[in-house]
N, C-alpha and C. Protein backbone atom coordinates (compact mmCIF):
# COMPACT_ATOMS: atom_id res chain seq x y z
N UNK A 1 40.05 -6.01 23.30
CA UNK A 1 39.43 -4.19 23.48
C UNK A 1 38.20 -4.46 22.97
N UNK A 2 36.78 -3.96 23.89
CA UNK A 2 35.17 -4.19 24.14
C UNK A 2 35.25 -3.41 22.93
N UNK A 3 34.11 -3.88 22.39
CA UNK A 3 33.69 -3.78 21.59
C UNK A 3 31.88 -2.16 21.36
N UNK A 4 32.01 -1.67 21.52
CA UNK A 4 31.19 -0.24 21.62
C UNK A 4 29.89 -0.52 20.78
N UNK A 5 28.82 -1.20 21.35
CA UNK A 5 27.65 -1.11 20.57
C UNK A 5 27.20 0.38 20.94
N UNK A 6 26.60 1.00 19.93
CA UNK A 6 25.18 1.45 20.18
C UNK A 6 23.49 1.69 19.49
N UNK A 7 23.21 2.58 20.53
CA UNK A 7 21.67 1.44 20.65
C UNK A 7 21.20 2.66 19.61
N UNK A 8 20.26 1.44 19.25
CA UNK A 8 19.16 2.35 17.80
C UNK A 8 18.43 2.97 18.62
N UNK A 9 17.85 4.01 17.43
CA UNK A 9 17.13 4.87 17.91
C UNK A 9 15.82 4.44 18.09
N UNK A 10 14.46 5.38 18.94
CA UNK A 10 13.09 4.81 19.01
C UNK A 10 12.30 4.17 17.39
N UNK A 11 13.32 5.70 16.48
CA UNK A 11 12.69 5.66 14.88
C UNK A 11 12.93 4.27 14.32
N UNK A 12 14.52 4.51 14.51
CA UNK A 12 14.65 3.04 13.59
C UNK A 12 14.34 1.70 14.26
N UNK A 13 14.17 1.85 16.19
CA UNK A 13 13.73 0.53 16.43
C UNK A 13 12.57 -0.06 15.89
N UNK A 14 11.67 0.80 15.47
CA UNK A 14 10.03 1.08 15.38
C UNK A 14 10.27 0.60 13.57
N UNK A 15 11.04 1.20 13.14
CA UNK A 15 11.06 0.63 11.90
C UNK A 15 11.94 -0.48 11.03
N UNK A 16 12.40 -1.58 12.54
CA UNK A 16 12.93 -2.72 12.16
C UNK A 16 12.01 -3.65 12.35
N UNK A 17 11.21 -2.57 13.38
CA UNK A 17 10.09 -4.07 13.79
C UNK A 17 8.45 -4.42 13.32
N UNK A 18 8.81 -2.99 12.49
CA UNK A 18 7.53 -3.03 10.81
C UNK A 18 8.03 -3.96 10.04
N UNK A 19 9.71 -3.59 9.68
CA UNK A 19 10.28 -4.56 8.70
C UNK A 19 10.09 -5.78 8.98
N UNK A 20 10.33 -6.50 10.03
CA UNK A 20 10.19 -7.54 9.99
C UNK A 20 8.79 -8.60 10.06
N UNK A 21 7.83 -7.20 10.86
CA UNK A 21 6.91 -7.62 10.59
C UNK A 21 5.84 -7.92 10.07
N UNK A 22 6.30 -6.98 8.74
CA UNK A 22 6.00 -7.39 7.35
C UNK A 22 6.18 -8.97 6.51
N UNK A 23 7.21 -9.21 7.08
CA UNK A 23 7.76 -10.16 6.80
C UNK A 23 7.48 -11.47 7.09
N UNK A 24 6.28 -10.93 8.46
CA UNK A 24 6.44 -13.21 9.00
C UNK A 24 4.65 -12.02 8.81
N UNK A 25 3.70 -11.25 8.94
CA UNK A 25 2.51 -10.83 8.14
C UNK A 25 2.53 -11.89 7.01
N UNK A 26 2.99 -11.38 5.93
CA UNK A 26 3.20 -12.13 5.08
C UNK A 26 3.11 -13.63 4.50
N UNK A 27 3.71 -13.92 5.55
CA UNK A 27 4.27 -15.36 5.63
C UNK A 27 3.14 -16.07 6.18
N UNK A 28 2.47 -16.30 7.13
CA UNK A 28 1.68 -16.82 8.62
C UNK A 28 0.51 -15.88 8.23
N UNK A 29 0.63 -14.69 8.05
CA UNK A 29 -1.43 -14.09 8.08
C UNK A 29 -1.48 -13.64 9.31
N UNK A 30 -2.44 -12.75 9.07
CA UNK A 30 -2.99 -11.82 10.53
C UNK A 30 -2.71 -13.06 11.75
N UNK A 31 -4.20 -13.34 11.56
CA UNK A 31 -3.62 -14.25 12.34
C UNK A 31 -3.17 -15.82 12.91
N UNK A 32 -1.99 -16.26 11.96
CA UNK A 32 -1.11 -16.60 12.42
C UNK A 32 0.40 -16.34 12.98
N UNK A 33 0.45 -14.84 13.15
CA UNK A 33 1.49 -14.64 13.76
C UNK A 33 1.28 -14.05 15.03
N UNK A 34 2.07 -14.83 15.45
CA UNK A 34 2.43 -14.01 16.66
C UNK A 34 3.27 -12.78 17.07
N UNK A 35 3.00 -12.30 18.61
CA UNK A 35 3.71 -11.04 18.48
C UNK A 35 5.10 -11.46 18.79
N UNK A 36 5.25 -12.64 19.66
CA UNK A 36 6.35 -12.78 19.59
C UNK A 36 6.98 -14.01 19.04
N UNK A 37 6.55 -14.40 17.44
CA UNK A 37 6.41 -14.49 16.34
C UNK A 37 7.65 -13.54 15.77
N UNK A 38 6.98 -11.72 15.39
CA UNK A 38 6.90 -10.54 14.93
C UNK A 38 8.48 -10.39 15.96
N UNK A 39 8.45 -10.62 17.07
CA UNK A 39 9.68 -10.66 18.16
C UNK A 39 10.50 -10.87 17.23
N UNK A 40 11.34 -12.62 17.52
CA UNK A 40 11.70 -13.02 17.49
C UNK A 40 12.77 -12.18 15.51
N UNK A 41 11.61 -12.30 14.74
CA UNK A 41 11.76 -11.91 13.62
C UNK A 41 12.78 -10.46 13.93
N UNK A 42 12.80 -9.98 14.17
CA UNK A 42 12.77 -7.87 14.62
C UNK A 42 14.21 -8.32 15.74
N UNK A 43 14.42 -9.78 16.35
CA UNK A 43 15.87 -10.38 17.05
C UNK A 43 15.70 -8.97 18.43
N UNK A 44 14.18 -9.07 18.90
CA UNK A 44 14.28 -8.11 19.61
C UNK A 44 13.46 -8.48 21.41
N UNK A 45 12.81 -9.21 22.12
CA UNK A 45 12.11 -9.77 23.17
C UNK A 45 10.77 -9.09 22.51
N UNK A 46 10.27 -10.08 23.00
CA UNK A 46 8.20 -9.41 23.52
C UNK A 46 8.32 -7.65 24.06
N UNK A 47 8.57 -7.85 25.84
CA UNK A 47 8.54 -7.26 25.74
C UNK A 47 8.82 -5.69 25.55
N UNK A 48 9.90 -5.50 24.89
CA UNK A 48 10.28 -4.88 23.80
C UNK A 48 10.43 -4.07 22.55
N UNK A 49 9.13 -5.28 22.05
CA UNK A 49 8.38 -4.77 21.10
C UNK A 49 6.33 -4.17 21.76
N UNK A 50 6.76 -4.35 22.96
CA UNK A 50 5.10 -3.83 22.83
C UNK A 50 5.51 -2.70 24.05
N UNK A 51 6.98 -1.87 23.39
CA UNK A 51 7.27 -0.83 24.09
C UNK A 51 7.52 0.67 23.18
N UNK A 52 7.07 -0.86 22.29
CA UNK A 52 7.17 0.30 20.79
C UNK A 52 5.47 0.17 20.04
N UNK A 53 4.55 -0.60 20.34
CA UNK A 53 3.30 -0.58 19.52
C UNK A 53 2.79 -1.91 21.13
N UNK A 54 1.45 -0.67 20.26
CA UNK A 54 -0.12 -1.72 21.48
C UNK A 54 -0.18 -2.63 21.87
N UNK A 55 -0.12 -3.35 20.15
CA UNK A 55 -0.76 -3.80 19.56
C UNK A 55 -0.65 -4.49 18.21
N UNK A 56 -0.89 -5.74 18.70
CA UNK A 56 -0.54 -6.89 17.06
C UNK A 56 -1.52 -5.50 16.04
N UNK A 57 -2.74 -5.39 15.97
CA UNK A 57 -3.27 -4.89 15.58
C UNK A 57 -2.72 -3.53 14.56
N UNK A 58 -2.05 -2.52 15.80
CA UNK A 58 -1.50 -2.14 15.27
C UNK A 58 0.34 -2.29 14.52
N UNK A 59 1.08 -3.14 15.23
CA UNK A 59 1.66 -3.27 14.65
C UNK A 59 1.41 -3.51 12.76
N UNK A 60 0.39 -4.50 12.52
CA UNK A 60 -0.11 -4.73 11.34
C UNK A 60 -0.32 -3.16 10.31
N UNK A 61 -1.25 -2.14 10.65
CA UNK A 61 -1.72 -1.09 10.46
C UNK A 61 -0.98 -0.65 9.88
N UNK A 62 0.52 -0.55 11.14
CA UNK A 62 1.95 0.90 10.77
C UNK A 62 2.78 0.39 10.15
N UNK A 63 2.56 -1.43 9.71
CA UNK A 63 3.60 -2.12 8.60
C UNK A 63 2.77 -1.48 7.37
N UNK A 64 1.51 -2.21 7.17
CA UNK A 64 1.06 -2.00 5.59
C UNK A 64 0.37 -0.78 5.05
N UNK A 65 0.21 0.09 5.88
CA UNK A 65 -0.43 1.80 5.74
C UNK A 65 0.88 2.34 5.28
N UNK A 66 1.61 2.87 5.78
CA UNK A 66 2.60 3.51 4.25
C UNK A 66 3.43 2.68 2.84
N UNK A 67 3.23 1.79 2.83
CA UNK A 67 3.54 0.94 1.02
C UNK A 67 2.33 1.36 0.47
N UNK A 68 1.27 1.47 0.68
CA UNK A 68 -0.13 1.62 0.26
C UNK A 68 -0.23 3.03 -0.26
N UNK A 69 -0.45 3.80 1.08
CA UNK A 69 -1.43 5.00 1.61
C UNK A 69 0.10 6.37 1.45
N UNK A 70 0.51 6.44 2.24
CA UNK A 70 2.55 7.04 1.78
C UNK A 70 2.78 7.36 0.80
N UNK A 71 3.17 6.41 -0.26
CA UNK A 71 3.33 6.36 -1.29
C UNK A 71 1.89 6.45 -2.62
N UNK A 72 1.31 6.50 -2.31
CA UNK A 72 -0.28 7.06 -3.11
C UNK A 72 -0.41 8.64 -2.86
N UNK A 73 0.21 8.96 -1.47
CA UNK A 73 0.13 10.46 -1.32
C UNK A 73 1.57 10.96 -1.39
N UNK A 74 2.14 10.28 -2.12
CA UNK A 74 3.36 11.31 -2.83
C UNK A 74 2.88 11.13 -4.41
N UNK A 75 2.66 10.07 -4.53
CA UNK A 75 2.49 10.12 -5.68
C UNK A 75 1.16 10.81 -6.79
N UNK A 76 0.64 11.57 -6.17
CA UNK A 76 0.18 12.49 -5.55
C UNK A 76 0.17 13.79 -5.99
N UNK A 77 1.35 13.91 -4.84
CA UNK A 77 1.88 15.26 -4.36
C UNK A 77 2.99 15.08 -5.68
N UNK A 78 4.06 14.25 -6.25
CA UNK A 78 4.75 15.05 -7.14
C UNK A 78 4.14 15.34 -8.47
N UNK A 79 2.69 14.93 -8.33
CA UNK A 79 2.26 14.92 -9.86
C UNK A 79 1.83 16.65 -10.20
N UNK A 80 1.03 16.91 -9.22
CA UNK A 80 0.63 18.00 -8.59
C UNK A 80 1.07 19.03 -9.83
N UNK A 81 2.50 19.34 -10.52
CA UNK A 81 2.71 20.12 -11.23
C UNK A 81 2.48 20.09 -12.94
N UNK A 82 1.66 18.95 -13.20
CA UNK A 82 1.52 18.40 -14.42
C UNK A 82 -0.02 18.81 -15.55
N UNK A 83 0.06 18.34 -16.03
CA UNK A 83 -1.67 18.29 -16.83
C UNK A 83 -2.49 17.24 -16.11
N UNK A 84 -3.72 17.88 -15.66
CA UNK A 84 -5.50 16.88 -15.43
C UNK A 84 -4.82 15.44 -15.73
N UNK A 85 -4.73 15.21 -17.26
CA UNK A 85 -3.81 13.70 -17.82
C UNK A 85 -2.94 13.52 -17.50
N UNK A 86 -1.89 13.87 -17.60
CA UNK A 86 -0.82 13.63 -17.31
C UNK A 86 -0.37 13.07 -15.31
N UNK A 87 -1.42 14.08 -15.05
CA UNK A 87 -1.30 13.40 -12.69
C UNK A 87 -2.09 12.06 -12.98
N UNK A 88 -2.85 11.56 -13.73
CA UNK A 88 -3.66 10.23 -13.96
C UNK A 88 -3.34 9.48 -14.09
N UNK A 89 -1.62 9.63 -15.00
CA UNK A 89 -0.91 8.61 -15.94
C UNK A 89 -0.25 8.19 -14.90
N UNK A 90 0.84 9.14 -14.88
CA UNK A 90 1.77 9.27 -13.50
C UNK A 90 0.96 8.25 -11.98
N UNK A 91 0.13 9.14 -11.36
CA UNK A 91 -0.34 7.95 -10.49
C UNK A 91 -1.06 6.78 -10.79
N UNK A 92 -1.58 6.59 -11.63
CA UNK A 92 -1.75 4.77 -12.63
C UNK A 92 -0.45 3.68 -12.54
N UNK A 93 -0.01 4.67 -12.86
CA UNK A 93 1.88 4.59 -13.17
C UNK A 93 3.15 3.70 -12.15
N UNK A 94 2.43 4.98 -11.06
CA UNK A 94 3.13 4.92 -9.97
C UNK A 94 2.70 3.21 -8.93
N UNK A 95 1.28 3.76 -8.75
CA UNK A 95 0.62 2.57 -8.31
C UNK A 95 0.29 1.13 -8.94
N UNK A 96 0.92 0.68 -10.11
CA UNK A 96 0.37 -0.21 -11.20
C UNK A 96 2.44 -0.59 -10.37
N UNK A 97 3.30 -0.02 -11.11
CA UNK A 97 4.61 -0.56 -10.44
C UNK A 97 4.47 -0.67 -8.61
N UNK A 98 4.33 0.22 -7.57
CA UNK A 98 4.36 -0.46 -6.20
C UNK A 98 2.97 -2.20 -5.97
N UNK A 99 2.54 -2.20 -6.89
CA UNK A 99 1.60 -3.79 -6.92
C UNK A 99 2.26 -4.65 -7.44
N UNK A 100 2.71 -4.73 -8.59
CA UNK A 100 4.04 -5.32 -8.90
C UNK A 100 6.00 -5.16 -8.13
N UNK A 101 5.59 -4.58 -7.16
CA UNK A 101 7.17 -4.80 -7.18
C UNK A 101 6.68 -5.10 -5.15
N UNK A 102 5.32 -4.63 -4.39
CA UNK A 102 4.51 -4.98 -3.20
C UNK A 102 3.50 -6.40 -3.29
N UNK A 103 3.76 -7.71 -4.58
CA UNK A 103 2.60 -8.05 -5.25
C UNK A 103 2.12 -9.23 -3.45
N UNK A 104 2.83 -9.63 -2.14
CA UNK A 104 2.91 -9.94 -1.45
C UNK A 104 1.71 -9.75 -0.41
N UNK A 105 2.19 -8.31 -0.06
CA UNK A 105 1.73 -6.98 0.71
C UNK A 105 0.77 -7.53 0.78
N UNK A 106 0.35 -6.59 -1.14
CA UNK A 106 -1.58 -6.76 -1.65
C UNK A 106 -1.54 -6.94 -0.99
N UNK A 107 -2.23 -8.36 -1.54
CA UNK A 107 -2.13 -10.14 -1.88
C UNK A 107 -3.43 -10.36 -0.08
N UNK A 108 -1.77 -9.91 0.85
CA UNK A 108 -2.20 -9.74 1.86
C UNK A 108 -3.01 -9.04 2.22
N UNK A 109 -3.05 -7.53 2.25
CA UNK A 109 -4.45 -6.66 2.58
C UNK A 109 -5.72 -6.87 2.18
N UNK A 110 -6.01 -7.61 0.50
CA UNK A 110 -6.45 -7.95 0.41
C UNK A 110 -6.72 -9.53 1.14
N UNK A 111 -6.69 -10.10 1.28
CA UNK A 111 -7.36 -11.00 1.98
C UNK A 111 -7.73 -11.27 3.43
N UNK A 112 -7.22 -9.86 4.87
CA UNK A 112 -6.92 -9.70 5.55
C UNK A 112 -8.42 -8.80 5.80
N UNK A 113 -8.22 -7.70 4.83
CA UNK A 113 -8.91 -6.99 4.69
C UNK A 113 -10.66 -8.03 4.70
N UNK A 114 -10.64 -8.36 4.55
CA UNK A 114 -12.13 -9.81 3.37
C UNK A 114 -12.20 -10.43 4.44
N UNK A 115 -11.90 -11.43 4.99
CA UNK A 115 -11.67 -12.39 6.53
C UNK A 115 -11.59 -13.00 7.73
N UNK A 116 -10.93 -11.34 8.11
CA UNK A 116 -10.20 -10.88 9.47
C UNK A 116 -10.91 -9.68 10.00
N UNK A 117 -11.89 -10.01 11.46
CA UNK A 117 -12.62 -9.05 11.61
C UNK A 117 -11.94 -8.46 13.31
N UNK A 118 -10.77 -9.60 13.00
CA UNK A 118 -10.40 -8.48 14.00
C UNK A 118 -9.35 -7.23 13.89
N UNK A 119 -9.62 -7.35 12.76
CA UNK A 119 -8.90 -5.69 11.58
C UNK A 119 -10.43 -4.98 10.95
N UNK A 120 -11.33 -5.16 11.73
CA UNK A 120 -12.77 -4.05 11.11
C UNK A 120 -11.79 -2.39 11.61
N UNK A 121 -13.08 -2.17 10.38
CA UNK A 121 -12.10 -0.32 10.40
C UNK A 121 -11.49 -0.49 9.79
N UNK A 122 -10.64 -1.36 8.81
CA UNK A 122 -9.58 -1.00 8.20
C UNK A 122 -9.63 -1.55 6.97
N UNK A 123 -10.37 -1.21 6.53
CA UNK A 123 -11.25 -1.70 4.83
C UNK A 123 -10.05 -0.46 3.97
N UNK A 124 -8.72 -1.30 3.64
CA UNK A 124 -7.79 -0.38 2.89
C UNK A 124 -8.06 -0.06 1.44
N UNK A 125 -9.18 -1.86 0.75
CA UNK A 125 -9.89 -1.25 -0.59
C UNK A 125 -10.69 0.29 -0.52
N UNK A 126 -11.65 0.39 0.14
CA UNK A 126 -12.66 1.04 0.68
C UNK A 126 -11.62 2.77 0.63
N UNK A 127 -10.78 3.04 1.62
CA UNK A 127 -9.45 4.12 1.84
C UNK A 127 -8.79 4.33 0.41
N UNK A 128 -8.57 3.36 -0.09
CA UNK A 128 -7.82 4.09 -1.32
C UNK A 128 -9.16 4.46 -2.64
N UNK A 129 -9.87 3.91 -3.24
CA UNK A 129 -10.77 4.52 -3.72
C UNK A 129 -11.71 5.17 -2.66
N UNK A 130 -11.40 6.09 -1.67
CA UNK A 130 -11.47 7.50 -1.01
C UNK A 130 -11.28 8.42 -1.58
N UNK A 131 -9.63 8.03 -1.61
CA UNK A 131 -8.33 8.59 -1.79
C UNK A 131 -8.56 9.05 -3.79
N UNK A 132 -8.30 7.71 -4.88
CA UNK A 132 -8.80 8.51 -5.94
C UNK A 132 -9.20 8.77 -6.27
N UNK A 133 -10.82 8.93 -5.29
CA UNK A 133 -12.16 9.70 -5.84
C UNK A 133 -11.39 11.10 -5.23
N UNK A 134 -11.41 11.30 -4.32
CA UNK A 134 -10.87 13.50 -3.98
C UNK A 134 -9.81 13.11 -4.67
N UNK A 135 -9.10 12.45 -5.33
CA UNK A 135 -7.76 12.40 -6.60
C UNK A 135 -8.36 12.73 -7.55
N UNK A 136 -9.09 12.54 -8.41
CA UNK A 136 -10.01 12.59 -9.45
C UNK A 136 -10.34 14.44 -9.20
N UNK A 137 -11.45 14.17 -7.85
CA UNK A 137 -12.22 15.37 -7.96
C UNK A 137 -11.16 16.47 -8.31
N UNK A 138 -9.82 16.59 -7.02
CA UNK A 138 -9.32 17.39 -7.14
C UNK A 138 -8.24 18.61 -9.04
N UNK A 139 -7.78 17.18 -9.66
CA UNK A 139 -8.05 17.34 -10.82
C UNK A 139 -8.17 18.01 -12.38
N UNK A 140 -9.88 17.42 -11.37
CA UNK A 140 -11.05 18.15 -12.13
C UNK A 140 -11.06 17.25 -13.28
N UNK A 141 -10.80 15.94 -13.38
CA UNK A 141 -11.37 15.67 -14.73
C UNK A 141 -12.77 15.00 -14.81
N UNK A 142 -13.36 15.12 -16.14
CA UNK A 142 -14.80 15.14 -16.32
C UNK A 142 -14.93 14.00 -16.54
N UNK A 143 -15.71 13.24 -16.18
CA UNK A 143 -16.26 11.90 -15.80
C UNK A 143 -17.91 11.94 -15.86
N UNK A 144 -18.36 10.94 -16.15
CA UNK A 144 -20.14 10.82 -16.39
C UNK A 144 -20.36 10.06 -15.24
N UNK A 145 -19.97 8.15 -14.49
CA UNK A 145 -20.10 7.26 -13.72
C UNK A 145 -19.10 7.41 -13.33
N UNK A 146 -19.02 7.99 -11.64
CA UNK A 146 -18.26 8.09 -10.98
C UNK A 146 -17.51 6.44 -10.51
N UNK A 147 -18.72 6.07 -10.22
CA UNK A 147 -18.79 4.08 -10.44
C UNK A 147 -17.91 3.01 -10.69
N UNK A 148 -18.58 4.19 -12.73
CA UNK A 148 -17.59 3.01 -13.68
C UNK A 148 -16.08 3.19 -13.75
N UNK A 149 -15.99 4.75 -12.91
CA UNK A 149 -14.53 5.02 -13.21
C UNK A 149 -13.25 3.76 -11.94
N UNK A 150 -14.00 3.95 -11.03
CA UNK A 150 -13.29 3.46 -9.67
C UNK A 150 -13.49 2.38 -10.47
N UNK A 151 -14.34 1.21 -10.55
CA UNK A 151 -14.31 -0.13 -10.62
C UNK A 151 -13.48 0.10 -12.05
N UNK A 152 -12.41 0.71 -13.19
CA UNK A 152 -11.82 0.55 -13.91
C UNK A 152 -10.74 0.54 -13.54
N UNK A 153 -10.29 1.53 -12.61
CA UNK A 153 -8.63 2.32 -12.37
C UNK A 153 -8.56 1.11 -10.88
N UNK A 154 -9.58 0.60 -10.08
CA UNK A 154 -9.09 -0.51 -8.76
C UNK A 154 -8.64 -1.24 -10.05
N UNK A 155 -9.78 -2.13 -10.10
CA UNK A 155 -9.68 -3.02 -11.64
C UNK A 155 -8.02 -3.06 -11.75
N UNK A 156 -8.24 -2.51 -12.84
CA UNK A 156 -6.96 -2.11 -13.70
C UNK A 156 -6.01 -2.43 -12.85
N UNK A 157 -5.56 -1.98 -11.86
CA UNK A 157 -4.70 -1.61 -11.21
C UNK A 157 -3.79 -2.67 -10.28
N UNK A 158 -5.07 -3.53 -9.44
CA UNK A 158 -5.14 -4.64 -8.66
C UNK A 158 -4.55 -5.98 -10.26
N UNK A 159 -4.88 -6.32 -10.85
CA UNK A 159 -5.64 -6.90 -12.21
C UNK A 159 -3.85 -7.00 -12.29
N UNK A 160 -2.58 -5.83 -12.22
CA UNK A 160 -1.70 -6.33 -12.17
C UNK A 160 -0.47 -7.06 -11.28
N UNK A 161 -1.57 -7.37 -10.08
CA UNK A 161 -1.29 -8.31 -8.41
C UNK A 161 -1.40 -9.37 -9.47
N UNK A 162 -2.02 -9.49 -10.16
CA UNK A 162 -1.71 -11.18 -10.61
C UNK A 162 -1.59 -11.53 -12.03
N UNK A 163 -1.87 -10.69 -12.62
CA UNK A 163 -1.32 -11.22 -14.22
C UNK A 163 0.67 -9.63 -14.60
N UNK A 164 0.70 -10.12 -13.51
CA UNK A 164 2.31 -8.13 -13.52
C UNK A 164 2.73 -8.87 -14.79
N UNK A 165 2.64 -7.08 -15.22
CA UNK A 165 4.07 -6.42 -15.89
C UNK A 165 5.20 -5.86 -15.89
N UNK A 166 6.38 -6.46 -16.29
CA UNK A 166 7.80 -5.41 -15.84
C UNK A 166 7.75 -4.41 -17.19
N UNK A 167 7.55 -4.91 -18.79
CA UNK A 167 7.73 -3.95 -19.41
C UNK A 167 7.00 -2.62 -20.23
N UNK A 168 7.66 -1.53 -19.32
CA UNK A 168 6.74 0.05 -19.09
C UNK A 168 5.86 0.41 -19.86
N UNK A 169 6.18 -0.18 -21.32
CA UNK A 169 5.43 0.15 -22.93
C UNK A 169 4.56 0.13 -22.96
N UNK A 170 4.51 -1.79 -22.20
CA UNK A 170 2.42 -2.15 -22.18
C UNK A 170 2.25 -1.55 -21.27
N UNK A 171 3.02 -1.28 -19.57
CA UNK A 171 2.04 -0.31 -19.36
C UNK A 171 0.92 0.62 -19.08
N UNK A 172 2.53 1.57 -20.04
CA UNK A 172 1.72 3.06 -20.28
C UNK A 172 0.47 2.77 -21.70
N UNK A 173 0.91 1.23 -21.97
CA UNK A 173 -0.03 1.30 -23.48
C UNK A 173 -1.58 1.21 -22.82
N UNK A 174 -1.52 0.97 -21.65
CA UNK A 174 -2.54 0.00 -20.86
C UNK A 174 -3.24 1.64 -19.82
N UNK A 175 -2.59 2.23 -19.68
CA UNK A 175 -2.65 3.29 -18.91
C UNK A 175 -3.67 3.97 -20.16
N UNK A 176 -3.19 4.89 -20.55
CA UNK A 176 -4.07 5.21 -22.02
C UNK A 176 -5.18 4.97 -22.49
N UNK A 177 -4.74 3.48 -22.68
CA UNK A 177 -5.90 2.94 -23.36
C UNK A 177 -8.11 3.02 -21.66
N UNK A 178 -7.00 2.66 -20.40
CA UNK A 178 -7.76 2.99 -19.20
C UNK A 178 -7.50 4.95 -19.76
N UNK A 179 -7.37 5.49 -19.64
CA UNK A 179 -7.99 7.05 -19.75
C UNK A 179 -8.87 7.34 -20.43
N UNK A 180 -7.36 6.24 -21.77
CA UNK A 180 -9.34 7.19 -22.78
C UNK A 180 -10.40 6.09 -23.05
N UNK A 181 -10.68 5.41 -21.72
CA UNK A 181 -11.59 4.90 -21.30
C UNK A 181 -12.87 5.48 -20.46
N UNK A 182 -12.14 6.55 -19.61
CA UNK A 182 -13.18 6.75 -19.11
C UNK A 182 -13.11 8.80 -18.60
N UNK A 183 -11.82 9.73 -19.43
CA UNK A 183 -12.04 10.56 -19.52
C UNK A 183 -13.46 10.96 -20.63
N UNK A 184 -13.82 11.89 -20.43
CA UNK A 184 -14.75 12.24 -21.76
C UNK A 184 -13.64 14.74 -21.55
N UNK A 185 -13.55 14.46 -22.72
CA UNK A 185 -12.59 15.28 -23.36
C UNK A 185 -14.43 16.28 -23.72
């Protein structure tokens, strides 16, 4: 009896390619990764890869942005009904967990956004900063120095990249100290 195979949907195939691509990018960096290697990692031909994506840059962007931006927007939405302070606590906690869970991807983004001219126009730190600024504005928090607050928030979040912490109590303590530093009641 022949085994019947079912074709992947276009969406499932794209997810498969993006999942394989992120692993190749983490291992080899943007410049070191080739579309052929990405295709092989996804168990498809390079021709099939280009049926779904226009370029390596497109694959890179689409593989990393959901990890960073979709999850941030989801955290913002999930915290809408909380108090102002609780919203910021929730978003910070979720960002710290994301950094801890996706350390290699975050390191890749930081490295590539600084050294790779092929990725011009994709400044992830700037994009994250703009989203956080807008979120703070929408929450209605009273802060004196926006630049200082952004440095504290982004620096604090990224510190977990190099000094990871799994203890939620310690993470929450860090968040409380950070919020007390930046919020003027």
